[in-house]
Protein backbone atom coordinates (compact mmCIF):
# COMPACT_ATOMS: atom_id res chain seq x y z
CA UNK A 1 0.00 0.00 0.00
CA UNK A 2 1.34 3.51 -0.78
CA UNK A 3 2.34 5.66 2.18
CA UNK A 4 -0.06 7.99 3.95
CA UNK A 5 0.57 11.74 3.87
CA UNK A 6 0.14 14.05 6.87
CA UNK A 7 0.89 17.77 6.60
CA UNK A 8 0.78 19.56 9.96
CA UNK A 9 0.84 23.35 9.61
CA UNK A 10 1.68 25.22 12.80
CA UNK A 11 0.05 28.44 11.69
CA UNK A 12 2.16 31.58 12.36
CA UNK A 13 5.09 29.74 14.00
CA UNK A 14 8.46 31.16 13.05
CA UNK A 15 11.71 29.22 13.21
CA UNK A 16 13.29 31.77 15.53
CA UNK A 17 11.08 30.73 18.46
CA UNK A 18 11.45 26.97 18.05
CA UNK A 19 13.83 25.12 20.36
CA UNK A 20 15.34 23.22 17.43
CA UNK A 21 16.58 26.57 16.12
CA UNK A 22 18.39 27.56 19.35
CA UNK A 23 15.62 29.66 20.85
CA UNK A 24 16.52 30.60 24.42
CA UNK A 25 13.33 28.99 25.75
CA UNK A 26 12.56 25.28 25.50
CA UNK A 27 9.36 25.76 23.55
CA UNK A 28 9.53 22.44 21.68
CA UNK A 29 10.86 19.64 23.91
CA UNK A 30 9.03 16.95 21.95
CA UNK A 31 10.27 18.19 18.58
CA UNK A 32 13.80 18.02 19.94
CA UNK A 33 13.25 14.31 20.62
CA UNK A 34 11.41 13.79 17.35
CA UNK A 35 14.46 15.20 15.54
CA UNK A 36 16.39 12.05 16.48
CA UNK A 37 14.39 10.10 13.89
CA UNK A 38 13.48 12.90 11.46
CA UNK A 39 15.03 15.37 9.05
CA UNK A 40 15.34 18.94 10.34
CA UNK A 41 15.75 21.67 7.74
CA UNK A 42 17.55 24.59 9.32
CA UNK A 43 17.03 27.01 6.40
CA UNK A 44 13.43 26.45 5.27
CA UNK A 45 11.43 29.30 3.75
CA UNK A 46 7.80 29.98 3.00
CA UNK A 47 6.94 31.58 -0.34
CA UNK A 48 4.37 34.00 1.14
CA UNK A 49 3.66 36.11 4.18
CA UNK A 50 -0.05 35.30 4.54
CA UNK A 51 -2.21 32.23 5.03
CA UNK A 52 -3.57 32.51 1.48
CA UNK A 53 -0.25 32.76 -0.32
CA UNK A 54 1.64 30.43 2.02
CA UNK A 55 -0.90 27.60 1.82
CA UNK A 56 -1.42 28.03 -1.92
CA UNK A 57 2.32 27.59 -2.46
CA UNK A 58 2.42 24.58 -0.14
CA UNK A 59 -0.49 22.87 -1.87
CA UNK A 60 0.44 23.67 -5.48
CA UNK A 61 4.24 23.67 -5.38
CA UNK A 62 4.26 27.08 -7.05
CA UNK A 63 5.63 30.44 -5.99
CA UNK A 64 3.18 33.28 -5.31
CA UNK A 65 3.98 34.87 -8.68
CA UNK A 66 3.24 31.56 -10.41
CA UNK A 67 -0.02 30.55 -8.74
CA UNK A 68 -1.41 34.10 -8.41
CA UNK A 69 -3.74 33.43 -5.47
CA UNK A 70 -3.51 36.55 -3.28
CA UNK A 71 -7.09 37.42 -2.31
CA UNK A 72 -10.69 36.23 -2.42
CA UNK A 73 -11.09 37.78 -5.87
CA UNK A 74 -9.55 34.62 -7.34
CA UNK A 75 -9.58 30.91 -6.59
CA UNK A 76 -7.52 27.91 -7.56
CA UNK A 77 -8.88 25.86 -10.41
CA UNK A 78 -9.94 22.29 -9.68
CA UNK A 79 -7.02 19.91 -9.94
CA UNK A 80 -4.32 22.43 -8.97
CA UNK A 81 -3.09 20.93 -5.68
CA UNK A 82 -1.26 17.82 -4.55
CA UNK A 83 -4.35 16.86 -2.56
CA UNK A 84 -6.39 16.95 -5.77
CA UNK A 85 -3.89 14.51 -7.25
CA UNK A 86 -3.97 12.18 -4.26
CA UNK A 87 -7.77 12.22 -4.22
CA UNK A 88 -7.87 11.17 -7.88
CA UNK A 89 -5.40 8.39 -7.13
CA UNK A 90 -7.67 6.80 -4.53
CA UNK A 91 -6.56 8.45 -1.31
CA UNK A 92 -9.10 9.48 1.31
CA UNK A 93 -8.37 13.16 1.93
CA UNK A 94 -9.29 15.60 4.70
CA UNK A 95 -8.42 19.02 6.09
CA UNK A 96 -8.94 20.20 9.67
CA UNK A 97 -8.52 23.86 10.60
CA UNK A 98 -10.00 26.90 12.27
CA UNK A 99 -8.45 29.00 9.48
CA UNK A 100 -11.42 29.91 7.31
CA UNK A 101 -9.19 30.84 4.36
CA UNK A 102 -8.59 27.11 3.98
CA UNK A 103 -11.97 25.65 4.88
CA UNK A 104 -14.73 28.20 4.23
CA UNK A 105 -13.79 31.00 1.85
CA UNK A 106 -14.15 29.72 -1.71
CA UNK A 107 -10.61 30.32 -2.97
CA UNK A 108 -9.87 26.71 -3.90
CA UNK A 109 -7.70 25.71 -0.95
CA UNK A 110 -10.34 23.19 0.14
CA UNK A 111 -10.30 21.56 -3.30
CA UNK A 112 -9.14 17.97 -3.21
CA UNK A 113 -10.45 17.22 0.28
CA UNK A 114 -13.26 14.70 0.75
CA UNK A 115 -13.72 15.85 4.34
CA UNK A 116 -13.50 19.52 5.36
CA UNK A 117 -13.64 20.38 9.06
CA UNK A 118 -13.67 24.12 9.69
CA UNK A 119 -14.17 26.25 12.81
CA UNK A 120 -15.76 24.20 15.57
CA UNK A 121 -17.57 27.02 17.35
CA UNK A 122 -20.85 25.13 17.61
CA UNK A 123 -22.12 23.07 20.54
CA UNK A 124 -21.97 19.73 18.63
CA UNK A 125 -18.98 19.73 16.24
CA UNK A 126 -19.44 16.01 15.53
CA UNK A 127 -22.88 16.66 13.97
CA UNK A 128 -23.79 18.36 10.65
CA UNK A 129 -21.88 21.59 10.03
CA UNK A 130 -24.35 24.39 9.31
CA UNK A 131 -21.56 26.79 8.40
CA UNK A 132 -20.33 24.39 5.72
CA UNK A 133 -23.87 24.15 4.33
CA UNK A 134 -24.18 27.95 4.13
CA UNK A 135 -20.77 28.25 2.48
CA UNK A 136 -21.70 25.73 -0.21
CA UNK A 137 -25.43 26.43 -0.71
CA UNK A 138 -25.94 30.03 0.43
CA UNK A 139 -28.39 31.45 2.94
CA UNK A 140 -32.13 30.93 3.15
CA UNK A 141 -32.19 27.29 2.02
CA UNK A 142 -33.89 26.18 5.22
CA UNK A 143 -35.79 23.22 3.77
CA UNK A 144 -32.64 21.79 2.19
CA UNK A 145 -30.74 22.31 5.41
CA UNK A 146 -33.43 20.56 7.46
CA UNK A 147 -33.36 17.64 5.04
CA UNK A 148 -29.57 17.37 5.38
CA UNK A 149 -29.89 17.43 9.18
CA UNK A 150 -32.46 14.63 9.16
CA UNK A 151 -30.19 12.53 6.97
CA UNK A 152 -27.33 12.99 9.44
CA UNK A 153 -26.81 10.31 12.08
CA UNK A 154 -27.32 12.97 14.76
CA UNK A 155 -30.29 14.99 13.45
CA UNK A 156 -31.25 16.78 16.67
CA UNK A 157 -27.70 18.00 17.29
CA UNK A 158 -27.38 19.00 13.63
CA UNK A 159 -30.48 21.17 13.89
CA UNK A 160 -29.14 22.67 17.14
CA UNK A 161 -25.94 23.60 15.29
CA UNK A 162 -28.08 25.33 12.68
CA UNK A 163 -29.93 27.32 15.32
CA UNK A 164 -26.67 28.40 16.96
CA UNK A 165 -25.18 29.36 13.58
CA UNK A 166 -28.20 31.54 12.86
CA UNK A 167 -28.07 33.16 16.30
CA UNK A 168 -24.33 33.75 15.93
CA UNK A 169 -24.87 35.50 12.64
CA UNK A 170 -27.83 37.66 13.69
CA UNK A 171 -27.08 38.24 17.40
CA UNK A 172 -23.36 37.58 18.00
CA UNK A 173 -23.43 39.01 21.53
CA UNK A 174 -25.74 36.17 22.59
CA UNK A 175 -23.36 33.41 21.50
CA UNK A 176 -22.28 31.46 24.60
CA UNK A 177 -19.49 29.30 23.15
CA UNK A 178 -15.77 29.89 22.76
CA UNK A 179 -15.22 31.25 19.25
CA UNK A 180 -11.60 30.10 19.11
CA UNK A 181 -11.18 26.54 20.43
CA UNK A 182 -7.63 25.24 20.94
CA UNK A 183 -5.92 22.92 18.51
CA UNK A 184 -6.76 19.74 20.39
CA UNK A 185 -10.37 20.12 19.17
CA UNK A 186 -9.18 19.79 15.56
CA UNK A 187 -6.71 17.09 16.51
CA UNK A 188 -9.58 15.07 18.02
CA UNK A 189 -11.48 15.35 14.76
CA UNK A 190 -8.44 14.32 12.71
CA UNK A 191 -7.66 11.30 14.88
CA UNK A 192 -11.28 10.21 14.78
CA UNK A 193 -11.27 10.48 10.98
CA UNK A 194 -7.93 8.73 10.61
CA UNK A 195 -9.03 5.79 12.76
CA UNK A 196 -11.89 5.14 10.35
CA UNK A 197 -9.66 4.88 7.25
CA UNK A 198 -9.05 1.49 5.70
CA UNK A 199 -6.90 2.56 2.78
CA UNK A 200 -4.25 5.19 2.04
CA UNK A 201 -5.10 8.62 3.41
CA UNK A 202 -3.78 12.16 3.10
CA UNK A 203 -4.62 15.00 5.48
CA UNK A 204 -3.71 18.57 6.32
CA UNK A 205 -4.07 19.61 9.96
CA UNK A 206 -3.68 23.36 10.40
CA UNK A 207 -3.35 24.33 14.07
CA UNK A 208 -3.98 27.98 14.96
CA UNK A 209 -2.86 28.04 18.61
CA UNK A 210 0.10 30.33 17.81
CA UNK A 211 -1.96 32.81 15.79
CA UNK A 212 -2.83 36.00 17.63
CA UNK A 213 -4.31 36.47 20.15
CA UNK A 214 -1.95 34.22 22.10
CA UNK A 215 -3.91 32.24 24.68
CA UNK A 216 -1.90 29.25 25.90
CA UNK A 217 -3.46 26.92 28.42
CA UNK A 218 -2.15 27.25 31.98
CA UNK A 219 0.14 24.20 31.75
CA UNK A 220 1.87 25.66 28.70
CA UNK A 221 1.94 29.30 29.74
CA UNK A 222 5.44 28.98 31.19
CA UNK A 223 6.69 32.44 30.32
CA UNK A 224 3.56 34.56 30.74
CA UNK A 225 1.06 35.46 33.43
CA UNK A 226 -2.22 37.29 33.95
CA UNK A 227 -0.44 40.62 33.72
CA UNK A 228 0.84 39.76 30.26
CA UNK A 229 -2.63 38.65 29.22
CA UNK A 230 -3.90 42.02 30.35
CA UNK A 231 -1.19 43.80 28.37
CA UNK A 232 -2.11 41.75 25.29
CA UNK A 233 -5.75 42.71 25.65
CA UNK A 234 -4.74 46.39 25.59
CA UNK A 235 -1.99 46.12 22.97
CA UNK A 236 -2.54 48.18 19.81
CA UNK A 237 -2.78 46.39 16.48
CA UNK A 238 0.02 46.79 13.94
CA UNK A 239 -1.53 49.83 12.22
CA UNK A 240 -2.17 51.60 15.52
CA UNK A 241 1.45 50.98 16.51
CA UNK A 242 2.65 52.83 13.45
CA UNK A 243 0.57 55.80 14.56
CA UNK A 244 1.67 55.56 18.19
CA UNK A 245 5.13 53.95 18.48
CA UNK A 246 5.04 54.19 22.28
CA UNK A 247 2.96 50.99 22.29
CA UNK A 248 5.58 48.74 20.68
CA UNK A 249 6.70 47.38 24.04
CA UNK A 250 3.25 45.86 24.55
CA UNK A 251 3.53 43.85 21.34
CA UNK A 252 7.07 42.76 22.22
CA UNK A 253 5.91 41.63 25.65
CA UNK A 254 3.31 39.29 24.14
CA UNK A 255 6.09 37.18 22.62
CA UNK A 256 6.25 35.40 25.98
CA UNK A 257 2.63 34.30 25.51
CA UNK A 258 3.44 33.32 21.93
CA UNK A 259 6.15 31.00 23.22
CA UNK A 260 3.57 29.33 25.45
CA UNK A 261 1.35 28.62 22.45
CA UNK A 262 4.28 26.98 20.65
CA UNK A 263 4.85 24.78 23.70
CA UNK A 264 1.15 23.90 23.50
CA UNK A 265 1.49 22.95 19.84
CA UNK A 266 4.51 20.82 20.68
CA UNK A 267 2.35 18.73 23.02
CA UNK A 268 -0.19 18.22 20.22
CA UNK A 269 2.54 16.99 17.90
CA UNK A 270 3.59 14.49 20.55
CA UNK A 271 0.02 13.21 20.67
CA UNK A 272 -0.13 12.84 16.89
CA UNK A 273 3.07 10.82 16.76
CA UNK A 274 2.23 8.60 19.75
CA UNK A 275 -1.24 7.85 18.35
CA UNK A 276 0.07 6.98 14.88
CA UNK A 277 2.65 4.69 16.47
CA UNK A 278 0.03 2.96 18.60
CA UNK A 279 -2.20 2.43 15.58
CA UNK A 280 0.63 1.03 13.47
CA UNK A 281 0.41 3.90 10.96
CA UNK A 282 3.61 5.74 11.81
CA UNK A 283 6.17 3.93 9.63
CA UNK A 284 3.87 4.10 6.62
CA UNK A 285 3.29 7.86 6.82
CA UNK A 286 5.10 10.86 5.36
CA UNK A 287 4.82 13.34 8.25
CA UNK A 288 5.66 16.96 7.44
CA UNK A 289 5.59 19.58 10.21
CA UNK A 290 5.99 23.19 9.14
CA UNK A 291 4.30 26.63 9.12
CA UNK A 292 2.64 28.79 6.49
CA UNK A 293 4.51 31.90 7.71
CA UNK A 294 6.04 33.37 10.84
CA UNK A 295 5.27 36.45 12.93
CA UNK A 296 6.76 39.83 13.69
CA UNK A 297 7.19 41.30 17.18
CA UNK A 298 8.65 44.69 16.34
CA UNK A 299 11.79 43.68 14.45
CA UNK A 300 13.06 46.62 12.36
CA UNK A 301 12.76 46.22 8.61
CA UNK A 302 16.12 46.32 6.86
CA UNK A 303 14.79 47.22 3.45
CA UNK A 304 12.11 49.74 4.58
CA UNK A 305 13.81 52.12 7.03
CA UNK A 306 11.63 53.31 9.89
CA UNK A 307 9.18 50.42 9.61
CA UNK A 308 8.92 47.59 12.09
CA UNK A 309 7.40 44.16 11.53
CA UNK A 310 4.17 43.44 13.38
CA UNK A 311 2.26 40.26 12.66
CA UNK A 312 2.70 39.24 9.03
CA UNK A 313 0.72 40.15 5.85
CA UNK A 314 2.95 42.86 4.33
CA UNK A 315 6.54 41.92 5.27
CA UNK A 316 9.23 39.57 3.93
CA UNK A 317 11.39 39.79 7.04
CA UNK A 318 13.19 36.64 8.17
CA UNK A 319 10.86 36.50 11.18
CA UNK A 320 8.02 35.97 8.69
CA UNK A 321 9.61 33.76 6.01
CA UNK A 322 12.03 31.56 7.98
CA UNK A 323 9.83 28.72 9.22
CA UNK A 324 10.38 25.35 10.89
CA UNK A 325 10.39 22.26 8.68
CA UNK A 326 10.71 18.83 10.23
CA UNK A 327 10.04 15.79 8.05
CA UNK A 328 9.80 12.15 8.98
CA UNK A 329 9.98 10.14 5.80
CA UNK A 330 8.27 6.72 5.71
CA UNK A 331 10.40 4.19 7.56
CA UNK A 332 13.02 6.76 8.63
CA UNK A 333 14.88 5.83 11.82
CA UNK A 334 17.96 8.08 11.84
CA UNK A 335 17.84 11.82 12.38
CA UNK A 336 19.47 14.29 10.02
CA UNK A 337 19.98 18.07 10.06
CA UNK A 338 20.15 19.86 6.72
CA UNK A 339 21.84 23.28 6.69
CA UNK A 340 21.25 24.09 3.01
CA UNK A 341 18.32 26.08 1.65
CA UNK A 342 14.90 24.38 1.63
CA UNK A 343 11.58 25.59 0.23
CA UNK A 344 8.00 24.69 1.19
CA UNK A 345 7.01 24.76 -2.49
CA UNK A 346 8.82 21.41 -2.70
CA UNK A 347 6.10 19.73 -0.63
CA UNK A 348 4.17 18.27 -3.63
CA UNK A 349 7.41 16.97 -5.16
CA UNK A 350 8.42 15.43 -1.83
CA UNK A 351 5.05 13.67 -1.66
CA UNK A 352 5.68 12.28 -5.14
CA UNK A 353 9.14 11.10 -4.06
CA UNK A 354 7.61 9.35 -1.05
CA UNK A 355 4.98 7.62 -3.18
CA UNK A 356 7.72 6.45 -5.56
CA UNK A 357 9.92 5.28 -2.68
CA UNK A 358 12.59 7.82 -3.61
CA UNK A 359 12.23 10.40 -0.81
CA UNK A 360 15.46 11.72 0.67
CA UNK A 361 16.56 14.85 2.52
CA UNK A 362 17.14 16.41 -0.91
CA UNK A 363 13.40 16.26 -1.62
CA UNK A 364 12.98 19.66 0.05
CA UNK A 365 16.30 21.35 -0.72
CA UNK A 366 16.85 23.86 -3.50
CA UNK A 367 19.52 26.16 -4.90
CA UNK A 368 17.11 29.09 -5.28
CA UNK A 369 13.87 30.14 -3.57
CA UNK A 370 11.43 33.00 -4.19
CA UNK A 371 9.02 34.89 -1.93
CA UNK A 372 6.56 37.69 -2.66
CA UNK A 373 4.33 40.09 -0.75
CA UNK A 374 2.12 42.42 -2.79
CA UNK A 375 1.53 44.98 -0.07
CA UNK A 376 -1.94 46.28 0.77
CA UNK A 377 -2.92 47.68 -2.62
CA UNK A 378 -3.73 44.22 -3.99
CA UNK A 379 -6.10 43.46 -1.11
CA UNK A 380 -8.97 45.89 -0.58
CA UNK A 381 -9.90 44.32 2.76
CA UNK A 382 -6.41 44.70 4.20
CA UNK A 383 -6.16 48.27 2.99
CA UNK A 384 -9.59 49.07 4.44
CA UNK A 385 -8.46 47.72 7.81
CA UNK A 386 -5.25 49.75 7.67
CA UNK A 387 -7.06 52.96 6.80
CA UNK A 388 -9.15 52.72 9.95
CA UNK A 389 -6.02 53.59 11.88
CA UNK A 390 -3.77 55.43 9.43
CA UNK A 391 -4.24 58.30 7.03
CA UNK A 392 -4.15 56.78 3.51
CA UNK A 393 -1.33 59.13 2.55
CA UNK A 394 0.85 57.64 5.29
CA UNK A 395 0.56 54.07 3.97
CA UNK A 396 2.96 54.52 1.08
CA UNK A 397 5.57 52.28 2.69
CA UNK A 398 3.13 49.36 2.60
CA UNK A 399 1.86 49.73 -0.97
CA UNK A 400 4.91 48.46 -2.84
CA UNK A 401 5.44 44.86 -3.79
CA UNK A 402 8.22 43.14 -1.87
CA UNK A 403 10.27 40.45 -3.55
CA UNK A 404 12.93 38.19 -2.13
CA UNK A 405 15.28 35.71 -3.80
CA UNK A 406 17.30 33.24 -1.75
CA UNK A 407 20.46 31.60 -3.05
CA UNK A 408 22.48 28.72 -1.67
CA UNK A 409 26.20 29.26 -2.13
CA UNK A 410 29.38 27.85 -0.64
CA UNK A 411 29.13 30.17 2.36
CA UNK A 412 25.48 29.44 3.18
CA UNK A 413 22.27 31.31 2.39
CA UNK A 414 22.09 34.78 0.86
CA UNK A 415 18.86 36.77 0.52
CA UNK A 416 18.26 39.52 -2.05
CA UNK A 417 15.22 41.62 -1.19
CA UNK A 418 13.68 44.63 -2.94
CA UNK A 419 10.84 47.04 -2.18
CA UNK A 420 9.38 47.99 -5.56
CA UNK A 421 11.99 49.84 -7.59
CA UNK A 422 13.05 51.94 -4.62
CA UNK A 423 15.60 49.92 -2.68
CA UNK A 424 17.19 46.49 -2.50
CA UNK A 425 19.62 44.76 -0.17
CA UNK A 426 21.79 41.67 -0.06
CA UNK A 427 21.49 39.95 3.31
CA UNK A 428 23.56 37.08 4.67
CA UNK A 429 21.47 34.63 6.75
CA UNK A 430 23.48 32.50 9.15
CA UNK A 431 20.61 30.83 10.98
CA UNK A 432 17.16 31.56 12.45
CA UNK A 433 18.70 33.89 15.01
CA UNK A 434 21.29 35.78 12.97
CA UNK A 435 21.26 37.73 9.71
CA UNK A 436 23.04 40.89 8.60
CA UNK A 437 23.11 43.29 5.65
CA UNK A 438 26.03 42.75 3.29
CA UNK A 439 25.38 45.51 0.78
CA UNK A 440 22.85 47.65 -1.04
CA UNK A 441 22.06 46.43 -4.57
CA UNK A 442 20.13 47.54 -7.64
CA UNK A 443 16.42 46.57 -7.32
CA UNK A 444 16.50 45.55 -11.00
CA UNK A 445 18.78 42.65 -10.15
CA UNK A 446 15.98 41.18 -8.04
CA UNK A 447 13.28 41.82 -10.65
CA UNK A 448 15.44 40.20 -13.32
CA UNK A 449 15.55 36.99 -11.28
CA UNK A 450 11.77 36.90 -11.15
CA UNK A 451 11.57 37.03 -14.95
CA UNK A 452 12.02 33.26 -14.92
CA UNK A 453 8.67 32.83 -13.15
CA UNK A 454 5.58 32.64 -15.33
CA UNK A 455 1.90 32.76 -14.45
CA UNK A 456 0.92 29.08 -14.37
CA UNK A 457 -2.78 29.74 -15.04
CA UNK A 458 -3.92 28.06 -11.82
CA UNK A 459 -6.48 30.69 -10.79
CA UNK A 460 -9.81 31.88 -12.08
CA UNK A 461 -12.09 34.70 -10.99
CA UNK A 462 -14.04 34.22 -7.77
CA UNK A 463 -16.99 35.92 -6.11
CA UNK A 464 -14.81 37.95 -3.76
CA UNK A 465 -15.05 38.63 -0.06
CA UNK A 466 -18.54 40.16 -0.32
CA UNK A 467 -19.94 36.70 -1.09
CA UNK A 468 -18.73 35.38 2.26
CA UNK A 469 -21.32 35.27 5.06
CA UNK A 470 -21.15 37.58 8.06
CA UNK A 471 -19.83 34.97 10.47
CA UNK A 472 -16.87 34.09 8.28
CA UNK A 473 -16.16 37.77 7.66
CA UNK A 474 -16.12 38.28 11.43
CA UNK A 475 -13.61 35.45 11.77
CA UNK A 476 -11.41 37.07 9.13
CA UNK A 477 -11.74 40.31 11.07
CA UNK A 478 -10.58 38.53 14.22
CA UNK A 479 -7.58 37.15 12.34
CA UNK A 480 -6.62 40.66 11.19
CA UNK A 481 -7.41 40.18 7.50
CA UNK A 482 -10.33 42.63 7.32
């Protein structure tokens, strides 16, 4: 039987704060043990700075410039992702995530999945998902929804989910349930699904514990306290910080809570591995642990003087692009650390190597890698959010496209980054903790490198964000995308 495929995305986790990358805090004790029988890539990069672009590159194996999926105005065509391929080849496929860009907004990232489990903010997540019904069939189809509930094995609970979904949409202040459940809720659903499989399976589990706001459980909150939680609750968002720089210390302080969420994710990874071992699935599974992008906590931008990095979205700083990548190939027993450049766009090719029995550490390495951020002009929702806090005339520094090219040479990894046609730098990257500017370069030298990338025709027009229901739009608002 061909190997199973499990992609675990630790949403918003940057390499810098992972113990395997010499972070000062032991945020990932299990991953440090797991490394003894896995391949650790010390120089892995995401192709995008947002969930949309990062996941699209992971799933398609294309750079942002090639796949072109940057907003809800477009969607991936059917058959564009590795999960589409696996589904056609007889795999059972599933995705589990609170991130609505993947599960609910119709941009094609949920293509190729037989089972789609989105936000579990209903009283009975194991019953029929009313939110999924609305996303696929639109509002007002009450008779069809009732029929679907009655056909479900738990009809009463399915109808209750529908009532709660309606109340949440119309009267959100009455909703009594936690709107952001921890990752173990999605892990439960994945493990339940996996246990029912009788043939090869492929799944993506996206865990949002380390996405802001940072709310680690008490047993994982080793570096924070109630005072820090209070500071986080009062911390300005990234656009407010640019208007009032005196608040930067509040954002920087929340990194201690962020570390607690990474420790929490580490415990979930331990549970995944132990369960797969107990079920006899471990040796027959390609297990890839990575992130779609990292996070900024006030690091100064090298290429845009006077601008700091907060969150992600519009930056190509190392804190955003340098991500963890730990891979356990089927049957692997010896650990290996790879210091050369690796790219997440190699995920589909690595899956192919594993299916052919040819997977090696080189399956993820590359001589050259590309990353792109289009700034806020390409995304009306992001610009609208920014303009709530900043005068439009003051947003010029965030309008330009950012491009980065990474090269592997004899001395390690070099990054060439440009901001439009205004400025470009060559940066030497030693590891997740250390990078420095080598020289200023001509922005055209970066643009010329991107000439080799062509639009691959993977996207088509979509209905846009206005077609998304109010509840999903509120979730996007909570995530900082609107």
